[in-house]
Amino acid sequence: MAIISRNHPKSVIHHSDRGIQYAPHDYIEILLKYGFLISMSRKGNPYDNATTENFFKTLKVEEVYLWEYRTLEDVQIRLPFFIQEVYNHKRLHSSLGYRPPVEFEDLFFKNHKPWPTALTQSV
């Protein structure tokens, strides 16, 4: 979804835990094709992935536990809605100065120069 909907610069870091879903050759091939740098947590160290773990806690508490999904279609509709419309556009994040991620990102790119050419071409 991020590859299709976002115009990410090359060398964006894709960080994950060591889950089997992130290790298959086909998955890694897609990440490399689109210029992602791959980062995985160290074995047995959940703190490497604390930000992602916090996101999933929020997703469960503020969305999943509040809905009774009856079909796979319910999940396919509700989860993207929560992530895009609530989490990214409306929910205030203390780590971002009490701004939603979309607003924080807009401010960041208005105040920072584009990625250096050498960095974007290194992959």
Protein backbone atom coordinates (compact mmCIF):
# COMPACT_ATOMS: atom_id res chain seq x y z
CA MET A 1 0.00 0.00 0.00
CA ALA A 2 2.82 2.41 0.85
CA ILE A 3 4.60 1.72 -2.42
CA ILE A 4 1.46 2.45 -4.42
CA SER A 5 0.16 5.43 -2.46
CA ARG A 6 3.35 7.22 -1.36
CA ASN A 7 6.03 8.96 -3.36
CA HIS A 8 8.81 7.86 -1.05
CA PRO A 9 12.40 8.89 -1.67
CA LYS A 10 14.94 6.17 -2.34
CA SER A 11 16.75 4.81 0.71
CA VAL A 12 13.74 4.93 3.02
CA ILE A 13 14.26 2.43 5.81
CA HIS A 14 11.82 -0.50 6.05
CA HIS A 15 12.17 -1.69 9.63
CA SER A 16 10.56 -4.88 10.88
CA ASP A 17 10.95 -7.54 13.48
CA ARG A 18 12.30 -10.93 12.46
CA GLY A 19 8.87 -12.30 11.60
CA ILE A 20 8.81 -14.88 8.84
CA GLN A 21 6.52 -12.67 6.74
CA TYR A 22 9.38 -10.13 6.30
CA ALA A 23 12.10 -12.60 5.28
CA PRO A 24 10.90 -14.32 2.07
CA HIS A 25 12.99 -13.71 -1.01
CA ASP A 26 10.02 -12.30 -3.00
CA TYR A 27 9.22 -9.74 -0.28
CA ILE A 28 12.84 -8.59 0.02
CA GLU A 29 13.12 -8.40 -3.78
CA ILE A 30 10.15 -5.98 -3.92
CA LEU A 31 11.66 -3.77 -1.22
CA LEU A 32 15.00 -3.62 -3.04
CA LYS A 33 13.27 -2.98 -6.39
CA TYR A 34 11.70 0.17 -4.92
CA GLY A 35 14.90 1.35 -3.24
CA PHE A 36 14.14 0.55 0.39
CA LEU A 37 16.91 -0.09 2.88
CA ILE A 38 16.07 -3.16 4.96
CA SER A 39 16.41 -3.14 8.74
CA MET A 40 15.44 -5.93 11.13
CA SER A 41 15.42 -6.03 14.89
CA ARG A 42 18.22 -7.86 16.62
CA LYS A 43 17.30 -11.32 17.82
CA GLY A 44 15.54 -11.16 21.17
CA ASN A 45 15.53 -7.34 21.35
CA PRO A 46 11.96 -5.98 21.13
CA TYR A 47 13.17 -2.43 21.85
CA ASP A 48 14.59 -2.18 18.31
CA ASN A 49 11.03 -2.20 17.05
CA ALA A 50 9.37 -0.23 19.86
CA THR A 51 7.74 2.36 17.57
CA THR A 52 6.09 -0.31 15.45
CA GLU A 53 5.02 -2.27 18.51
CA ASN A 54 3.43 0.91 19.88
CA PHE A 55 1.54 1.44 16.61
CA PHE A 56 0.09 -2.08 16.77
CA LYS A 57 -0.92 -1.57 20.41
CA THR A 58 -2.76 1.62 19.36
CA LEU A 59 -4.37 -0.15 16.39
CA LYS A 60 -5.67 -2.92 18.64
CA VAL A 61 -6.91 -0.68 21.46
CA GLU A 62 -8.43 2.11 19.36
CA GLU A 63 -9.79 0.05 16.46
CA VAL A 64 -9.73 -3.75 16.62
CA TYR A 65 -11.07 -4.22 20.16
CA LEU A 66 -13.89 -1.73 19.50
CA TRP A 67 -15.30 -3.45 16.39
CA GLU A 68 -16.84 -6.83 15.83
CA TYR A 69 -15.53 -7.74 12.41
CA ARG A 70 -17.89 -10.26 10.85
CA THR A 71 -16.17 -10.78 7.51
CA LEU A 72 -12.78 -10.35 5.91
CA GLU A 73 -14.33 -7.50 3.93
CA ASP A 74 -15.09 -5.69 7.22
CA VAL A 75 -11.41 -5.89 8.12
CA GLN A 76 -10.30 -4.80 4.65
CA ILE A 77 -12.49 -1.71 4.90
CA ARG A 78 -11.98 -0.73 8.55
CA LEU A 79 -8.21 -1.16 8.99
CA PRO A 80 -7.14 1.03 6.06
CA PHE A 81 -9.72 3.61 7.12
CA PHE A 82 -8.36 3.69 10.67
CA ILE A 83 -4.74 3.91 9.55
CA GLN A 84 -5.25 6.57 6.88
CA GLU A 85 -8.08 8.69 8.20
CA VAL A 86 -7.72 8.39 11.98
CA TYR A 87 -4.12 7.46 12.83
CA ASN A 88 -2.37 9.45 10.08
CA HIS A 89 -4.69 12.46 9.70
CA LYS A 90 -6.52 13.05 12.99
CA ARG A 91 -4.82 11.31 15.91
CA LEU A 92 -2.39 13.55 17.78
CA HIS A 93 0.99 11.98 18.58
CA SER A 94 2.96 13.21 21.59
CA SER A 95 6.24 12.17 19.95
CA LEU A 96 5.42 14.50 17.01
CA GLY A 97 4.65 17.58 19.09
CA TYR A 98 0.96 16.65 19.36
CA ARG A 99 0.46 16.67 15.61
CA PRO A 100 -0.90 13.94 13.35
CA PRO A 101 1.79 12.24 11.19
CA VAL A 102 0.59 13.82 7.92
CA GLU A 103 0.87 17.33 9.38
CA PHE A 104 4.27 16.57 10.91
CA GLU A 105 5.57 15.19 7.61
CA ASP A 106 4.31 18.23 5.69
CA LEU A 107 6.08 20.57 8.12
CA PHE A 108 9.24 18.48 7.95
CA PHE A 109 9.48 18.60 4.16
CA LYS A 110 8.67 22.33 4.06
CA ASN A 111 11.58 22.99 6.43
CA HIS A 112 14.16 20.56 5.02
CA LYS A 113 15.95 20.26 1.73
CA PRO A 114 15.23 17.28 -0.53
CA TRP A 115 17.22 14.09 0.01
CA PRO A 116 20.85 14.40 -1.18
CA THR A 117 21.37 12.98 -4.67
CA ALA A 118 24.22 10.73 -3.52
CA LEU A 119 22.00 9.16 -0.88
CA THR A 120 19.12 8.49 -3.27
CA GLN A 121 21.36 6.93 -5.89
CA SER A 122 23.33 4.65 -3.57
CA VAL A 123 20.84 1.77 -3.72
